[in-house]
Amino acid sequence: MVPFSFCGEEFALCQTNALYWPRERALLVADLHLEKASFYATRAGQMLPPYDSRETLERVALAIRETGARRVFTLGDNFHDSAGPDRLEPHAAGMLAALTRATDWVWITGNHDAAMPPRIDGTLATALDVGGMILRHQAQPGETRPELSGHFHPRLHLTVRERRIRRSCVVVSRNSVAEGRVSGRMILPAFGALTGGMDAADPAILKALQPASGIDALVQASGKLATFPLWRAAA
């Protein structure tokens, strides 16, 4: 885990793209997209290996063991569609049941799974305020409070020695608020085993984080967080 400070809070970024919040003993993961393979098999006839949910849930279990988290907040698009819970095969369903029993689990819904069935274990919410930090699926333009979200699956695109490199990353904004305190917002990378990514510098991401004085991508490298500027306000 790589510790860092954000909006006056201490966090740690795990190798699995999960975020740990020590004060809350909480693990945060975005965009699990469980049962994506079965969605494509049933809706589009694309026969992908049906093990993405198992792999994703194994990663969640590993992150819980690594951090000792007692709470889990998922930041939306937990299933690839709202019917996903009904397609979980027994092994994956058992894994999920064990995880939700072992932790205080909160599902924040997203655009893919807005109609998740209430019978699924854990608590459902569209957004939460936890200790002054807003947790939601998609960053809201104009938000000035500290915010954690997902949705965009950010990846940093780099060219190193004529090679194109794509790495999952965290995107953070720094906002100067009128009262003089510094706020900010953070977009987590996708956690699911079968998820793609969007260029962290895409205009849609930069627009979602406005107003901001600066926007950066954070990437784990050799046990540290490397910072790559994506956008700066005009002086």
C-alpha atoms as a PDB file:
ATOM      1  CA  MET A   1       0.000   0.000   0.000  1.00  0.00           C
ATOM      2  CA  VAL A   2       1.135   3.540  -0.758  1.00  0.00           C
ATOM      3  CA  PRO A   3      -0.056   6.163   1.770  1.00  0.00           C
ATOM      4  CA  PHE A   4      -0.961   9.711   0.751  1.00  0.00           C
ATOM      5  CA  SER A   5      -2.946  12.690   2.021  1.00  0.00           C
ATOM      6  CA  PHE A   6      -6.065  14.081   0.393  1.00  0.00           C
ATOM      7  CA  CYS A   7      -8.348  16.839   1.712  1.00  0.00           C
ATOM      8  CA  GLY A   8      -6.871  16.532   5.193  1.00  0.00           C
ATOM      9  CA  GLU A   9      -7.476  12.754   5.310  1.00  0.00           C
ATOM     10  CA  GLU A  10      -4.951   9.928   5.172  1.00  0.00           C
ATOM     11  CA  PHE A  11      -5.530   7.256   2.535  1.00  0.00           C
ATOM     12  CA  ALA A  12      -3.546   4.384   1.048  1.00  0.00           C
ATOM     13  CA  LEU A  13      -3.691   3.060  -2.502  1.00  0.00           C
ATOM     14  CA  CYS A  14      -3.529  -0.723  -2.834  1.00  0.00           C
ATOM     15  CA  GLN A  15      -1.928  -2.616  -5.719  1.00  0.00           C
ATOM     16  CA  THR A  16      -5.385  -3.872  -6.679  1.00  0.00           C
ATOM     17  CA  ASN A  17      -6.716  -0.331  -7.402  1.00  0.00           C
ATOM     18  CA  ALA A  18      -8.604  -0.265  -4.105  1.00  0.00           C
ATOM     19  CA  LEU A  19      -8.393   2.733  -1.780  1.00  0.00           C
ATOM     20  CA  TYR A  20      -8.065   2.277   1.978  1.00  0.00           C
ATOM     21  CA  TRP A  21      -9.297   4.937   4.415  1.00  0.00           C
ATOM     22  CA  PRO A  22      -7.687   4.227   7.804  1.00  0.00           C
ATOM     23  CA  ARG A  23      -9.834   6.583   9.895  1.00  0.00           C
ATOM     24  CA  GLU A  24     -12.985   4.790   8.734  1.00  0.00           C
ATOM     25  CA  ARG A  25     -11.290   1.365   8.474  1.00  0.00           C
ATOM     26  CA  ALA A  26     -12.945   1.363   5.070  1.00  0.00           C
ATOM     27  CA  LEU A  27     -12.033  -0.087   1.700  1.00  0.00           C
ATOM     28  CA  LEU A  28     -13.323   1.758  -1.362  1.00  0.00           C
ATOM     29  CA  VAL A  29     -13.594   0.113  -4.774  1.00  0.00           C
ATOM     30  CA  ALA A  30     -15.139   1.483  -7.971  1.00  0.00           C
ATOM     31  CA  ASP A  31     -16.642  -0.178 -11.016  1.00  0.00           C
ATOM     32  CA  LEU A  32     -16.550  -3.877 -10.168  1.00  0.00           C
ATOM     33  CA  HIS A  33     -18.788  -4.657 -13.182  1.00  0.00           C
ATOM     34  CA  LEU A  34     -19.586  -8.113 -11.801  1.00  0.00           C
ATOM     35  CA  GLU A  35     -21.172 -10.496 -14.310  1.00  0.00           C
ATOM     36  CA  LYS A  36     -19.988  -8.529 -17.307  1.00  0.00           C
ATOM     37  CA  ALA A  37     -18.999 -11.715 -19.119  1.00  0.00           C
ATOM     38  CA  SER A  38     -22.420 -13.296 -18.606  1.00  0.00           C
ATOM     39  CA  PHE A  39     -24.074 -10.075 -19.816  1.00  0.00           C
ATOM     40  CA  TYR A  40     -22.172 -10.234 -23.102  1.00  0.00           C
ATOM     41  CA  ALA A  41     -22.864 -13.968 -23.440  1.00  0.00           C
ATOM     42  CA  THR A  42     -26.628 -13.546 -23.009  1.00  0.00           C
ATOM     43  CA  ARG A  43     -27.132 -10.166 -24.709  1.00  0.00           C
ATOM     44  CA  ALA A  44     -24.497 -10.036 -27.436  1.00  0.00           C
ATOM     45  CA  GLY A  45     -23.592 -13.673 -28.054  1.00  0.00           C
ATOM     46  CA  GLN A  46     -19.948 -13.048 -27.120  1.00  0.00           C
ATOM     47  CA  MET A  47     -18.816 -16.132 -25.213  1.00  0.00           C
ATOM     48  CA  LEU A  48     -16.294 -14.679 -22.775  1.00  0.00           C
ATOM     49  CA  PRO A  49     -14.858 -16.880 -19.990  1.00  0.00           C
ATOM     50  CA  PRO A  50     -17.481 -16.688 -17.206  1.00  0.00           C
ATOM     51  CA  TYR A  51     -15.050 -16.211 -14.336  1.00  0.00           C
ATOM     52  CA  ASP A  52     -14.722 -12.433 -14.102  1.00  0.00           C
ATOM     53  CA  SER A  53     -16.868 -12.200 -10.953  1.00  0.00           C
ATOM     54  CA  ARG A  54     -14.769 -14.811  -9.157  1.00  0.00           C
ATOM     55  CA  GLU A  55     -11.545 -13.007 -10.017  1.00  0.00           C
ATOM     56  CA  THR A  56     -12.916  -9.612  -9.008  1.00  0.00           C
ATOM     57  CA  LEU A  57     -14.238 -10.888  -5.679  1.00  0.00           C
ATOM     58  CA  GLU A  58     -10.926 -12.636  -4.989  1.00  0.00           C
ATOM     59  CA  ARG A  59      -9.238  -9.258  -5.458  1.00  0.00           C
ATOM     60  CA  VAL A  60     -11.681  -7.665  -3.015  1.00  0.00           C
ATOM     61  CA  ALA A  61     -10.985 -10.389  -0.448  1.00  0.00           C
ATOM     62  CA  LEU A  62      -7.240  -9.889  -0.883  1.00  0.00           C
ATOM     63  CA  ALA A  63      -7.560  -6.126  -0.364  1.00  0.00           C
ATOM     64  CA  ILE A  64      -9.650  -6.672   2.790  1.00  0.00           C
ATOM     65  CA  ARG A  65      -7.004  -9.031   4.187  1.00  0.00           C
ATOM     66  CA  GLU A  66      -4.209  -6.633   3.231  1.00  0.00           C
ATOM     67  CA  THR A  67      -5.812  -3.616   4.902  1.00  0.00           C
ATOM     68  CA  GLY A  68      -7.839  -5.163   7.714  1.00  0.00           C
ATOM     69  CA  ALA A  69     -10.851  -3.160   6.521  1.00  0.00           C
ATOM     70  CA  ARG A  70     -14.078  -3.498   8.474  1.00  0.00           C
ATOM     71  CA  ARG A  71     -16.210  -1.526   6.007  1.00  0.00           C
ATOM     72  CA  VAL A  72     -16.510  -1.669   2.217  1.00  0.00           C
ATOM     73  CA  PHE A  73     -17.928   1.095   0.030  1.00  0.00           C
ATOM     74  CA  THR A  74     -18.433   0.285  -3.647  1.00  0.00           C
ATOM     75  CA  LEU A  75     -18.668   3.359  -5.854  1.00  0.00           C
ATOM     76  CA  GLY A  76     -21.191   2.260  -8.441  1.00  0.00           C
ATOM     77  CA  ASP A  77     -21.428  -0.001 -11.480  1.00  0.00           C
ATOM     78  CA  ASN A  78     -21.069  -2.882  -9.063  1.00  0.00           C
ATOM     79  CA  PHE A  79     -22.776  -5.205 -11.563  1.00  0.00           C
ATOM     80  CA  HIS A  80     -22.626  -4.696 -15.299  1.00  0.00           C
ATOM     81  CA  ASP A  81     -26.425  -4.490 -15.287  1.00  0.00           C
ATOM     82  CA  SER A  82     -29.133  -4.524 -12.632  1.00  0.00           C
ATOM     83  CA  ALA A  83     -29.981  -8.186 -13.334  1.00  0.00           C
ATOM     84  CA  GLY A  84     -26.400  -9.240 -12.671  1.00  0.00           C
ATOM     85  CA  PRO A  85     -27.068 -10.553  -9.136  1.00  0.00           C
ATOM     86  CA  ASP A  86     -29.475 -13.143 -10.593  1.00  0.00           C
ATOM     87  CA  ARG A  87     -26.750 -14.503 -12.909  1.00  0.00           C
ATOM     88  CA  LEU A  88     -24.077 -15.085 -10.249  1.00  0.00           C
ATOM     89  CA  GLU A  89     -23.012 -18.715 -10.374  1.00  0.00           C
ATOM     90  CA  PRO A  90     -23.028 -20.510  -6.973  1.00  0.00           C
ATOM     91  CA  HIS A  91     -19.306 -20.210  -6.278  1.00  0.00           C
ATOM     92  CA  ALA A  92     -19.198 -16.451  -6.901  1.00  0.00           C
ATOM     93  CA  ALA A  93     -22.468 -15.980  -5.024  1.00  0.00           C
ATOM     94  CA  GLY A  94     -20.965 -17.771  -2.030  1.00  0.00           C
ATOM     95  CA  MET A  95     -17.850 -15.610  -2.173  1.00  0.00           C
ATOM     96  CA  LEU A  96     -19.936 -12.446  -2.228  1.00  0.00           C
ATOM     97  CA  ALA A  97     -22.138 -13.626   0.642  1.00  0.00           C
ATOM     98  CA  ALA A  98     -19.060 -14.339   2.754  1.00  0.00           C
ATOM     99  CA  LEU A  99     -17.593 -10.895   2.063  1.00  0.00           C
ATOM    100  CA  THR A 100     -20.815  -9.032   2.852  1.00  0.00           C
ATOM    101  CA  ARG A 101     -21.211 -10.993   6.100  1.00  0.00           C
ATOM    102  CA  ALA A 102     -17.645 -10.249   7.178  1.00  0.00           C
ATOM    103  CA  THR A 103     -17.837  -6.471   6.630  1.00  0.00           C
ATOM    104  CA  ASP A 104     -20.211  -3.537   6.835  1.00  0.00           C
ATOM    105  CA  TRP A 105     -20.846  -3.464   3.084  1.00  0.00           C
ATOM    106  CA  VAL A 106     -22.475  -0.507   1.293  1.00  0.00           C
ATOM    107  CA  TRP A 107     -23.354  -0.625  -2.405  1.00  0.00           C
ATOM    108  CA  ILE A 108     -23.463   2.824  -4.020  1.00  0.00           C
ATOM    109  CA  THR A 109     -25.300   2.304  -7.283  1.00  0.00           C
ATOM    110  CA  GLY A 110     -24.217   3.608 -10.683  1.00  0.00           C
ATOM    111  CA  ASN A 111     -25.578   4.080 -14.175  1.00  0.00           C
ATOM    112  CA  HIS A 112     -25.176   0.384 -15.036  1.00  0.00           C
ATOM    113  CA  ASP A 113     -26.940  -0.969 -11.937  1.00  0.00           C
ATOM    114  CA  ALA A 114     -29.296   1.788 -10.810  1.00  0.00           C
ATOM    115  CA  ALA A 115     -32.047  -0.800 -10.220  1.00  0.00           C
ATOM    116  CA  MET A 116     -30.029  -3.288  -8.167  1.00  0.00           C
ATOM    117  CA  PRO A 117     -32.432  -5.562  -6.240  1.00  0.00           C
ATOM    118  CA  PRO A 118     -32.778  -4.605  -2.565  1.00  0.00           C
ATOM    119  CA  ARG A 119     -32.633  -8.277  -1.536  1.00  0.00           C
ATOM    120  CA  ILE A 120     -28.885  -8.448  -2.153  1.00  0.00           C
ATOM    121  CA  ASP A 121     -26.838  -8.499   1.063  1.00  0.00           C
ATOM    122  CA  GLY A 122     -25.446  -5.146   2.184  1.00  0.00           C
ATOM    123  CA  THR A 123     -26.910  -1.647   2.150  1.00  0.00           C
ATOM    124  CA  LEU A 124     -27.941   0.192  -1.025  1.00  0.00           C
ATOM    125  CA  ALA A 125     -27.399   3.945  -1.496  1.00  0.00           C
ATOM    126  CA  THR A 126     -27.191   6.401  -4.386  1.00  0.00           C
ATOM    127  CA  ALA A 127     -24.640   8.590  -2.562  1.00  0.00           C
ATOM    128  CA  LEU A 128     -23.265   9.003   0.959  1.00  0.00           C
ATOM    129  CA  ASP A 129     -21.675  11.674   3.138  1.00  0.00           C
ATOM    130  CA  VAL A 130     -19.070   9.938   5.304  1.00  0.00           C
ATOM    131  CA  GLY A 131     -17.196  12.245   7.653  1.00  0.00           C
ATOM    132  CA  GLY A 132     -17.653  15.176   5.286  1.00  0.00           C
ATOM    133  CA  MET A 133     -16.469  13.167   2.258  1.00  0.00           C
ATOM    134  CA  ILE A 134     -19.067  12.686  -0.498  1.00  0.00           C
ATOM    135  CA  LEU A 135     -19.105   9.168  -1.982  1.00  0.00           C
ATOM    136  CA  ARG A 136     -20.920   8.761  -5.301  1.00  0.00           C
ATOM    137  CA  HIS A 137     -20.571   6.989  -8.610  1.00  0.00           C
ATOM    138  CA  GLN A 138     -19.956   9.876 -11.006  1.00  0.00           C
ATOM    139  CA  ALA A 139     -18.198  13.144 -10.212  1.00  0.00           C
ATOM    140  CA  GLN A 140     -20.614  16.065 -10.312  1.00  0.00           C
ATOM    141  CA  PRO A 141     -19.375  19.232 -12.074  1.00  0.00           C
ATOM    142  CA  GLY A 142     -19.629  22.185  -9.705  1.00  0.00           C
ATOM    143  CA  GLU A 143     -19.187  20.104  -6.541  1.00  0.00           C
ATOM    144  CA  THR A 144     -16.984  21.990  -4.056  1.00  0.00           C
ATOM    145  CA  ARG A 145     -17.066  19.463  -1.222  1.00  0.00           C
ATOM    146  CA  PRO A 146     -14.457  16.681  -0.965  1.00  0.00           C
ATOM    147  CA  GLU A 147     -15.659  13.871  -3.231  1.00  0.00           C
ATOM    148  CA  LEU A 148     -14.690  10.283  -4.087  1.00  0.00           C
ATOM    149  CA  SER A 149     -16.139   8.697  -7.234  1.00  0.00           C
ATOM    150  CA  GLY A 150     -15.542   6.236 -10.064  1.00  0.00           C
ATOM    151  CA  HIS A 151     -17.364   5.819 -13.415  1.00  0.00           C
ATOM    152  CA  PHE A 152     -14.629   6.905 -15.838  1.00  0.00           C
ATOM    153  CA  HIS A 153     -12.118   4.007 -15.434  1.00  0.00           C
ATOM    154  CA  PRO A 154      -9.150   6.432 -15.777  1.00  0.00           C
ATOM    155  CA  ARG A 155      -5.886   5.236 -17.308  1.00  0.00           C
ATOM    156  CA  LEU A 156      -2.762   7.282 -17.860  1.00  0.00           C
ATOM    157  CA  HIS A 157      -1.430   7.102 -21.425  1.00  0.00           C
ATOM    158  CA  LEU A 158       2.310   7.651 -21.763  1.00  0.00           C
ATOM    159  CA  THR A 159       4.960   7.254 -24.443  1.00  0.00           C
ATOM    160  CA  VAL A 160       8.280   6.000 -23.052  1.00  0.00           C
ATOM    161  CA  ARG A 161      11.126   5.240 -25.461  1.00  0.00           C
ATOM    162  CA  GLU A 162       8.658   5.090 -28.341  1.00  0.00           C
ATOM    163  CA  ARG A 163       6.476   2.614 -26.472  1.00  0.00           C
ATOM    164  CA  ARG A 164       2.859   3.366 -25.591  1.00  0.00           C
ATOM    165  CA  ILE A 165       2.125   2.556 -21.954  1.00  0.00           C
ATOM    166  CA  ARG A 166      -1.313   2.522 -20.333  1.00  0.00           C
ATOM    167  CA  ARG A 167      -1.596   2.341 -16.559  1.00  0.00           C
ATOM    168  CA  SER A 168      -4.651   2.509 -14.331  1.00  0.00           C
ATOM    169  CA  CYS A 169      -4.488   5.659 -12.248  1.00  0.00           C
ATOM    170  CA  VAL A 170      -6.211   7.831  -9.693  1.00  0.00           C
ATOM    171  CA  VAL A 171      -7.243  11.288 -10.894  1.00  0.00           C
ATOM    172  CA  VAL A 172      -7.331  14.086  -8.316  1.00  0.00           C
ATOM    173  CA  SER A 173      -8.321  17.741  -8.510  1.00  0.00           C
ATOM    174  CA  ARG A 174      -7.298  20.560  -6.222  1.00  0.00           C
ATOM    175  CA  ASN A 175      -9.916  23.198  -5.559  1.00  0.00           C
ATOM    176  CA  SER A 176      -9.451  26.487  -3.714  1.00  0.00           C
ATOM    177  CA  VAL A 177     -12.687  27.147  -1.823  1.00  0.00           C
ATOM    178  CA  ALA A 178     -13.875  30.646  -0.920  1.00  0.00           C
ATOM    179  CA  GLU A 179     -13.414  30.158   2.824  1.00  0.00           C
ATOM    180  CA  GLY A 180      -9.707  29.638   2.239  1.00  0.00           C
ATOM    181  CA  ARG A 181      -9.611  25.897   2.885  1.00  0.00           C
ATOM    182  CA  VAL A 182      -8.347  23.567   0.159  1.00  0.00           C
ATOM    183  CA  SER A 183     -10.763  20.938  -1.048  1.00  0.00           C
ATOM    184  CA  GLY A 184     -10.472  18.376  -3.799  1.00  0.00           C
ATOM    185  CA  ARG A 185     -12.037  15.470  -5.624  1.00  0.00           C
ATOM    186  CA  MET A 186     -10.792  12.030  -6.562  1.00  0.00           C
ATOM    187  CA  ILE A 187     -11.777   9.548  -9.283  1.00  0.00           C
ATOM    188  CA  LEU A 188     -10.747   5.947  -8.610  1.00  0.00           C
ATOM    189  CA  PRO A 189      -9.661   3.519 -11.334  1.00  0.00           C
ATOM    190  CA  ALA A 190     -11.907   0.591 -12.243  1.00  0.00           C
ATOM    191  CA  PHE A 191     -11.461  -2.387  -9.939  1.00  0.00           C
ATOM    192  CA  GLY A 192     -13.202  -5.138 -11.915  1.00  0.00           C
ATOM    193  CA  ALA A 193     -11.298  -7.892 -13.715  1.00  0.00           C
ATOM    194  CA  LEU A 194     -13.093  -7.247 -17.015  1.00  0.00           C
ATOM    195  CA  THR A 195     -13.069  -3.468 -17.389  1.00  0.00           C
ATOM    196  CA  GLY A 196     -11.543  -1.167 -19.958  1.00  0.00           C
ATOM    197  CA  GLY A 197     -10.307   2.363 -19.420  1.00  0.00           C
ATOM    198  CA  MET A 198     -10.527   5.987 -20.534  1.00  0.00           C
ATOM    199  CA  ASP A 199      -7.581   8.321 -21.078  1.00  0.00           C
ATOM    200  CA  ALA A 200      -7.169  10.223 -17.802  1.00  0.00           C
ATOM    201  CA  ALA A 201      -6.744  13.451 -19.786  1.00  0.00           C
ATOM    202  CA  ASP A 202     -10.006  12.971 -21.690  1.00  0.00           C
ATOM    203  CA  PRO A 203     -12.065  16.201 -21.745  1.00  0.00           C
ATOM    204  CA  ALA A 204     -14.997  14.376 -20.121  1.00  0.00           C
ATOM    205  CA  ILE A 205     -12.904  13.662 -17.013  1.00  0.00           C
ATOM    206  CA  LEU A 206     -11.425  17.150 -16.859  1.00  0.00           C
ATOM    207  CA  LYS A 207     -14.888  18.710 -17.238  1.00  0.00           C
ATOM    208  CA  ALA A 208     -16.383  16.493 -14.509  1.00  0.00           C
ATOM    209  CA  LEU A 209     -13.805  17.756 -12.003  1.00  0.00           C
ATOM    210  CA  GLN A 210     -14.389  21.457 -12.537  1.00  0.00           C
ATOM    211  CA  PRO A 211     -14.058  23.866 -10.803  1.00  0.00           C
ATOM    212  CA  ALA A 212     -10.407  23.094 -10.124  1.00  0.00           C
ATOM    213  CA  SER A 213      -7.082  24.851  -9.922  1.00  0.00           C
ATOM    214  CA  GLY A 214      -5.260  21.736 -11.118  1.00  0.00           C
ATOM    215  CA  ILE A 215      -5.881  18.090 -12.038  1.00  0.00           C
ATOM    216  CA  ASP A 216      -3.293  15.307 -11.713  1.00  0.00           C
ATOM    217  CA  ALA A 217      -2.979  11.580 -12.358  1.00  0.00           C
ATOM    218  CA  LEU A 218      -1.427   9.462  -9.602  1.00  0.00           C
ATOM    219  CA  VAL A 219       0.279   6.190 -10.536  1.00  0.00           C
ATOM    220  CA  GLN A 220       1.988   3.659  -8.283  1.00  0.00           C
ATOM    221  CA  ALA A 221       5.648   3.202  -9.154  1.00  0.00           C
ATOM    222  CA  SER A 222       8.261   1.402  -7.036  1.00  0.00           C
ATOM    223  CA  GLY A 223       6.267   1.764  -3.837  1.00  0.00           C
ATOM    224  CA  LYS A 224       5.593   5.463  -4.372  1.00  0.00           C
ATOM    225  CA  LEU A 225       2.953   7.590  -6.058  1.00  0.00           C
ATOM    226  CA  ALA A 226       4.175   9.360  -9.180  1.00  0.00           C
ATOM    227  CA  THR A 227       2.270  12.535 -10.090  1.00  0.00           C
ATOM    228  CA  PHE A 228       1.534  13.478 -13.708  1.00  0.00           C
ATOM    229  CA  PRO A 229      -0.115  16.880 -14.342  1.00  0.00           C
ATOM    230  CA  LEU A 230      -3.148  16.651 -16.624  1.00  0.00           C
ATOM    231  CA  TRP A 231      -4.526  20.205 -16.499  1.00  0.00           C
ATOM    232  CA  ARG A 232      -3.743  23.538 -14.864  1.00  0.00           C
ATOM    233  CA  ALA A 233      -5.913  26.633 -14.597  1.00  0.00           C
ATOM    234  CA  ALA A 234      -4.688  29.651 -16.499  1.00  0.00           C
ATOM    235  CA  ALA A 235      -2.671  32.036 -14.327  1.00  0.00           C
END
